[in-house]
Amino acid sequence: MSLKLLPQESRPREKLLARGAESLSDAELLAIFLRTGLQGMNAIELADYLLKKFGSLRALLSSTQTDFCAHKGLGPAKYTQLQAVVEMTKRYLAETMKRGDALTSPESTKQYLSSVLRDRHREAFYVLFLDNQHRVIHGEIMFEGTIDAASVYPREIVKQAIHHNAAALILAHNHPSGIAEPSNADERITKRLVNALALVDIRILDHFVIGDGEVVSFAERGLM
């Protein structure tokens, strides 16, 4: 059935305007993005079909261009639009975090770090550089690949911290396995970095391990 034939209160756009975006299902939100369906399939039906094919909205959002464009109704234009939406979400979270103290808004910090690291297929080591009031100055991925003592270089982090005139750091890395439990190697790396940064009077406030839907804080675990 065409969306135009649905009762007005059941159409995704009208429903969003009347009740707010949070009232929409994943399929309805995706239908607004898709705008149109295919022959014999309206936008909501197409959205529902795609969600079932990918398995979840998150899987669709994090899919590669090849996988995304392999499905009917999707192509390079839709892929670029969707990636722009994902990037805007990351930047929104980054701006929200930068407006406040990274320690007094731990949920914003966790949400931002999860948005950056959670869906990466390789391990990545991310550093947030903070000023003396614990506001975010800069954040960047500094190392990629298997994270162990041999692949994370304290001198590079010290050099960047001094470059940004940082007073403190928050560390984060992801576990592509989805399990956020810190390893012995994670603990060793953290201790090495704490000791190296202490030589230049820069504190490490926390180290977050990002899993699939779970974030473990070293500080909360008493590991700092």
Foldseek 3Di string as FASTA:
>chain_A
DELVPDPQCPQLVSVCVVPNPVVDDQLSVQLVLLVADDVVAGSSRRSVVVCVVQVHPVSQLLDDQVVNCVDPSDHPVSNVVSPVVLVVVLVVLLVVQQVDACVVCVVSVLVNVCSVAASDQWKWKKKFFAAPSRHTQDMDTDFTHDDFPVTDDLVVVLVVNVVSVGQEMEMEMEDNVQDQDDDPRNLVNVVVNQVSNVVVNHHYPWYWYGGNVDIDICVVVVSD
